[in-house]
Amino acid sequence: MKQFKYKAIVMAMGLSAIASVSVADLKTERAVVDNDNDDRVVAIANFVTPVRGDLYVATQVNGQILFFTNGGQELSVTPAPYDEDNDYSGEIVLVDLPATGIAPNRYPLYQVVTDSDKDPLDANNWIGGLNAINFSIGLPTEIDKDFDDDGFSDDDQDQDGFHDDDQDGYHNDDDDKDGFHDDDTDKDGFHDDDTDKDGFHDDDLDQDGVHDDDLDRDGDSDTDTDTDTDTDTDTDTDTGSN
C-alpha cells in the first residue's frame, strides 16, 4: 500500500480547507508537554457534526508517518484505521498517554474520517477536512516558545500547536528548520531585533507579526530590496538605519 508522505499531507491540508468544512475539531489542553514529569499527551476530537465512516489518526516520527490502529493501542507504518465503519459524534479521546520517556521532538497528530473502506490517501474520500495538532515534547523553552507555561507557544493563539505563521511545525522564516527564527542568531528564542523580548520585532508596534514598514507583508521591510532582513540604508547590518 502507498506510504503517507508528509509533504502530501501538508498539501492536502490546504486543499481540504478550501474544499470542505471540517466535521470535527481536534484539540488538547497542552500542546507543549514536558517529558520528565507527569505530563500527558492528550488529543480530543470533538465531532460537532455526527458522521459515519472510518476514522484515521496518524503521527510523524523521524520523518515516518505512523497510524494509530486498534483504538490507538497499536501503530502501523501502512495506512490502517483507528476505528472503522462507525458513527462519531461529540467528544472522543483519541490519544491519552504519558509523555515520560518520549524523545524530545515535535510530533504532529492528524485526524480524518473517510467513507467506509476507502483510501485515506485520496482527499476525495474524506468526510470533512483533515485536522492537525502539533505537539512539542521535551523541547527547551527557547524552542517551544512557551515562556508563560500555559501549554502553548506564545505565538500560538488558536492553540493548535502550530506557530500562527506556519503549518509545518516551523516558523515560515526558519528555513534551516532548527527551531529558531533565521534572524535569531543567538538562539535565545527571540528575533535579534526584539530587544524587549516581547515576541515581536521592535519595529512592529501594532504587534501583527510583521515589520511596520512591511506593507506587502512578505516578511521583509519594504525598503529592503535584497531581502537580507536589513534596510538598504543600513550598511552595518544592525537592523536599524544608519
Protein backbone atom coordinates (compact mmCIF):
# COMPACT_ATOMS: atom_id res chain seq x y z
CA MET A 1 0.00 0.00 0.00
CA LYS A 2 1.14 3.55 -0.61
CA GLN A 3 3.05 5.31 2.15
CA PHE A 4 1.73 8.56 3.60
CA LYS A 5 4.14 11.34 2.64
CA TYR A 6 4.45 14.29 5.00
CA LYS A 7 4.57 16.86 2.19
CA ALA A 8 1.45 15.33 0.66
CA ILE A 9 -0.35 15.65 3.98
CA VAL A 10 0.52 19.33 4.28
CA MET A 11 -0.64 19.97 0.71
CA ALA A 12 -3.82 18.03 1.37
CA MET A 13 -4.48 20.10 4.48
CA GLY A 14 -4.51 23.22 2.36
CA LEU A 15 -6.76 21.63 -0.22
CA SER A 16 -9.18 20.30 2.37
CA ALA A 17 -9.53 23.70 3.98
CA ILE A 18 -10.77 25.01 0.65
CA ALA A 19 -12.75 22.00 -0.48
CA SER A 20 -14.86 21.18 2.55
CA VAL A 21 -15.99 22.13 6.01
CA SER A 22 -14.50 20.08 8.83
CA VAL A 23 -16.92 17.91 10.80
CA ALA A 24 -14.65 17.81 13.86
CA ASP A 25 -12.29 19.92 15.91
CA LEU A 26 -9.03 18.43 17.18
CA LYS A 27 -7.95 19.95 20.49
CA THR A 28 -5.69 19.49 23.50
CA GLU A 29 -5.19 21.21 26.85
CA ARG A 30 -1.40 21.26 26.33
CA ALA A 31 0.48 21.15 23.04
CA VAL A 32 3.79 21.89 24.81
CA VAL A 33 4.47 18.88 27.02
CA ASP A 34 7.32 18.02 29.39
CA ASN A 35 8.73 14.51 29.19
CA ASP A 36 10.34 14.41 32.64
CA ASN A 37 7.30 14.76 34.90
CA ASP A 38 3.68 13.59 34.95
CA ASP A 39 2.55 15.47 31.82
CA ARG A 40 0.42 13.51 29.38
CA VAL A 41 -0.11 13.75 25.63
CA VAL A 42 -3.85 14.13 25.17
CA ALA A 43 -5.77 14.77 21.96
CA ILE A 44 -9.56 15.01 21.75
CA ALA A 45 -11.71 15.06 18.63
CA ASN A 46 -14.97 16.95 19.00
CA PHE A 47 -17.38 15.96 16.27
CA VAL A 48 -19.64 18.98 16.02
CA THR A 49 -21.42 17.24 13.13
CA PRO A 50 -22.18 13.50 13.52
CA VAL A 51 -20.51 11.42 10.86
CA ARG A 52 -20.14 7.77 9.89
CA GLY A 53 -17.12 6.19 8.26
CA ASP A 54 -13.55 5.11 9.00
CA LEU A 55 -11.54 7.17 11.48
CA TYR A 56 -7.80 7.62 10.84
CA VAL A 57 -5.29 9.04 13.33
CA ALA A 58 -1.62 9.38 12.42
CA THR A 59 1.58 10.97 13.68
CA GLN A 60 5.07 11.58 12.31
CA VAL A 61 8.21 10.19 13.97
CA ASN A 62 11.62 10.89 12.42
CA GLY A 63 10.05 11.52 9.05
CA GLN A 64 7.95 8.34 9.12
CA ILE A 65 4.15 8.56 9.22
CA LEU A 66 2.68 6.09 11.73
CA PHE A 67 -1.01 5.22 12.03
CA PHE A 68 -2.76 4.57 15.33
CA THR A 69 -4.80 1.40 14.95
CA ASN A 70 -6.98 -0.80 17.17
CA GLY A 71 -8.39 2.20 19.01
CA GLY A 72 -4.95 3.72 19.50
CA GLN A 73 -3.39 0.62 21.06
CA GLU A 74 -1.05 -0.15 18.16
CA LEU A 75 0.97 1.68 15.50
CA SER A 76 1.26 0.78 11.82
CA VAL A 77 3.57 2.06 9.08
CA THR A 78 0.88 1.37 6.47
CA PRO A 79 -2.46 3.19 6.43
CA ALA A 80 -4.89 1.49 8.79
CA PRO A 81 -7.95 2.90 10.56
CA TYR A 82 -8.09 3.86 14.23
CA ASP A 83 -11.72 2.70 14.08
CA GLU A 84 -13.82 1.64 11.13
CA ASP A 85 -17.38 1.78 9.86
CA ASN A 86 -18.69 3.53 12.94
CA ASP A 87 -20.66 6.59 13.99
CA TYR A 88 -18.78 9.53 15.55
CA SER A 89 -20.34 12.41 17.46
CA GLY A 90 -19.41 14.60 20.39
CA GLU A 91 -16.01 14.36 22.09
CA ILE A 92 -13.79 11.32 21.61
CA VAL A 93 -10.40 10.97 23.34
CA LEU A 94 -8.08 9.75 20.59
CA VAL A 95 -4.76 9.82 22.46
CA ASP A 96 -4.03 9.85 26.20
CA LEU A 97 -0.57 8.59 27.09
CA PRO A 98 2.29 9.57 29.42
CA ALA A 99 4.98 11.78 27.91
CA THR A 100 7.69 10.33 30.14
CA GLY A 101 10.45 8.77 28.05
CA ILE A 102 9.28 10.16 24.70
CA ALA A 103 12.28 11.53 22.79
CA PRO A 104 12.32 15.35 22.60
CA ASN A 105 10.86 16.46 19.29
CA ARG A 106 7.81 17.83 17.54
CA TYR A 107 5.07 15.30 16.92
CA PRO A 108 2.18 16.36 14.66
CA LEU A 109 -1.07 14.43 15.08
CA TYR A 110 -3.52 14.14 12.19
CA GLN A 111 -7.17 13.06 12.22
CA VAL A 112 -9.57 12.48 9.35
CA VAL A 113 -12.73 10.48 8.65
CA THR A 114 -13.16 8.78 5.29
CA ASP A 115 -16.01 6.98 3.62
CA SER A 116 -16.01 3.39 4.83
CA ASP A 117 -13.39 1.14 3.25
CA LYS A 118 -11.96 3.93 1.11
CA ASP A 119 -8.35 5.01 0.54
CA PRO A 120 -7.38 7.62 3.20
CA LEU A 121 -4.64 8.93 0.90
CA ASP A 122 -7.26 10.24 -1.52
CA ALA A 123 -8.69 13.54 -0.22
CA ASN A 124 -11.81 12.91 -2.31
CA ASN A 125 -12.73 10.20 0.20
CA TRP A 126 -12.53 12.49 3.22
CA ILE A 127 -15.70 13.45 5.04
CA GLY A 128 -14.79 16.97 6.07
CA GLY A 129 -11.26 18.28 6.33
CA LEU A 130 -8.05 16.95 7.79
CA ASN A 131 -7.39 18.19 11.34
CA ALA A 132 -3.99 18.52 13.00
CA ILE A 133 -2.30 19.33 16.31
CA ASN A 134 1.45 19.78 16.64
CA PHE A 135 2.87 18.57 19.96
CA SER A 136 6.23 19.84 21.24
CA ILE A 137 7.50 17.24 23.68
CA GLY A 138 10.54 17.68 25.92
CA LEU A 139 11.93 20.65 23.99
CA PRO A 140 13.61 23.59 25.75
CA THR A 141 11.55 26.76 26.19
CA GLU A 142 13.79 28.60 23.74
CA ILE A 143 12.48 26.28 21.02
CA ASP A 144 8.89 25.55 22.07
CA LYS A 145 8.40 29.28 22.89
CA ASP A 146 6.01 28.59 25.79
CA PHE A 147 7.53 31.27 28.01
CA ASP A 148 4.32 31.74 30.03
CA ASP A 149 3.98 27.97 30.61
CA ASP A 150 0.34 27.78 29.57
CA GLY A 151 0.90 24.70 27.43
CA PHE A 152 1.10 26.51 24.09
CA SER A 153 3.73 28.54 22.25
CA ASP A 154 3.25 32.21 22.98
CA ASP A 155 2.59 32.84 19.26
CA ASP A 156 0.01 30.04 19.01
CA GLN A 157 -3.17 31.99 19.66
CA ASP A 158 -5.51 29.39 18.16
CA GLN A 159 -3.88 26.70 20.35
CA ASP A 160 -3.40 24.11 17.62
CA GLY A 161 0.27 23.54 18.44
CA PHE A 162 1.49 25.37 15.34
CA HIS A 163 3.08 28.80 15.31
CA ASP A 164 0.49 31.22 13.95
CA ASP A 165 2.73 31.93 10.93
CA ASP A 166 3.06 28.30 9.82
CA GLN A 167 1.55 24.85 9.35
CA ASP A 168 4.55 22.50 9.13
CA GLY A 169 5.80 22.85 12.69
CA TYR A 170 8.34 25.59 11.98
CA HIS A 171 8.18 29.35 11.56
CA ASN A 172 7.96 30.43 7.94
CA ASP A 173 11.30 32.21 8.44
CA ASP A 174 13.03 29.09 9.82
CA ASP A 175 14.48 27.82 6.54
CA ASP A 176 17.05 25.55 8.20
CA LYS A 177 14.36 24.10 10.49
CA ASP A 178 16.47 24.32 13.63
CA GLY A 179 13.53 25.59 15.68
CA PHE A 180 14.65 29.23 15.68
CA HIS A 181 13.78 32.22 13.51
CA ASP A 182 16.52 32.70 10.91
CA ASP A 183 17.19 36.13 12.42
CA ASP A 184 17.63 34.66 15.92
CA THR A 185 21.40 34.15 15.63
CA ASP A 186 21.96 33.85 19.38
CA LYS A 187 19.14 31.27 19.61
CA ASP A 188 17.54 32.78 22.68
CA GLY A 189 14.03 32.28 21.31
CA PHE A 190 13.55 35.89 20.18
CA HIS A 191 14.21 37.84 17.00
CA ASP A 192 17.60 39.59 17.17
CA ASP A 193 15.80 42.95 16.91
CA ASP A 194 13.38 42.07 19.72
CA THR A 195 15.39 43.74 22.49
CA ASP A 196 12.45 43.95 24.90
CA LYS A 197 11.75 40.24 24.34
CA ASP A 198 8.00 40.62 23.92
CA GLY A 199 7.90 38.22 20.96
CA PHE A 200 7.64 40.94 18.30
CA HIS A 201 10.16 42.87 16.23
CA ASP A 202 10.96 46.20 17.92
CA ASP A 203 9.58 48.00 14.86
CA ASP A 204 6.32 46.01 14.99
CA LEU A 205 4.43 48.46 17.18
CA ASP A 206 0.99 47.11 16.24
CA GLN A 207 2.18 43.56 17.07
CA ASP A 208 0.73 41.98 13.94
CA GLY A 209 3.81 39.83 13.32
CA VAL A 210 5.38 41.88 10.52
CA HIS A 211 7.61 44.95 10.43
CA ASP A 212 5.60 48.18 10.46
CA ASP A 213 7.13 49.17 7.09
CA ASP A 214 6.33 45.77 5.53
CA LEU A 215 3.12 46.89 3.87
CA ASP A 216 3.05 43.97 1.42
CA ARG A 217 3.56 41.56 4.35
CA ASP A 218 6.23 39.50 2.60
CA GLY A 219 8.41 39.25 5.70
CA ASP A 220 10.88 41.94 4.62
CA SER A 221 10.90 45.69 5.15
CA ASP A 222 9.65 47.42 2.02
CA THR A 223 12.95 49.34 1.86
CA ASP A 224 14.91 46.05 1.93
CA THR A 225 15.03 45.18 -1.76
CA ASP A 226 17.69 42.48 -1.37
CA THR A 227 15.70 40.69 1.40
CA ASP A 228 18.63 40.39 3.80
CA THR A 229 16.40 41.49 6.74
CA ASP A 230 18.23 44.88 6.94
CA THR A 231 17.02 48.04 5.30
CA ASP A 232 19.18 49.00 2.34
CA THR A 233 20.25 52.21 4.11
CA ASP A 234 21.64 50.10 6.97
CA THR A 235 25.24 49.48 5.93
CA ASP A 236 26.36 47.95 9.22
CA THR A 237 23.51 45.37 9.27
CA ASP A 238 22.46 46.06 12.84
CA THR A 239 18.77 46.05 11.73
CA GLY A 240 18.49 49.81 12.16
CA SER A 241 19.08 52.51 9.54
CA ASN A 242 22.34 54.45 9.74
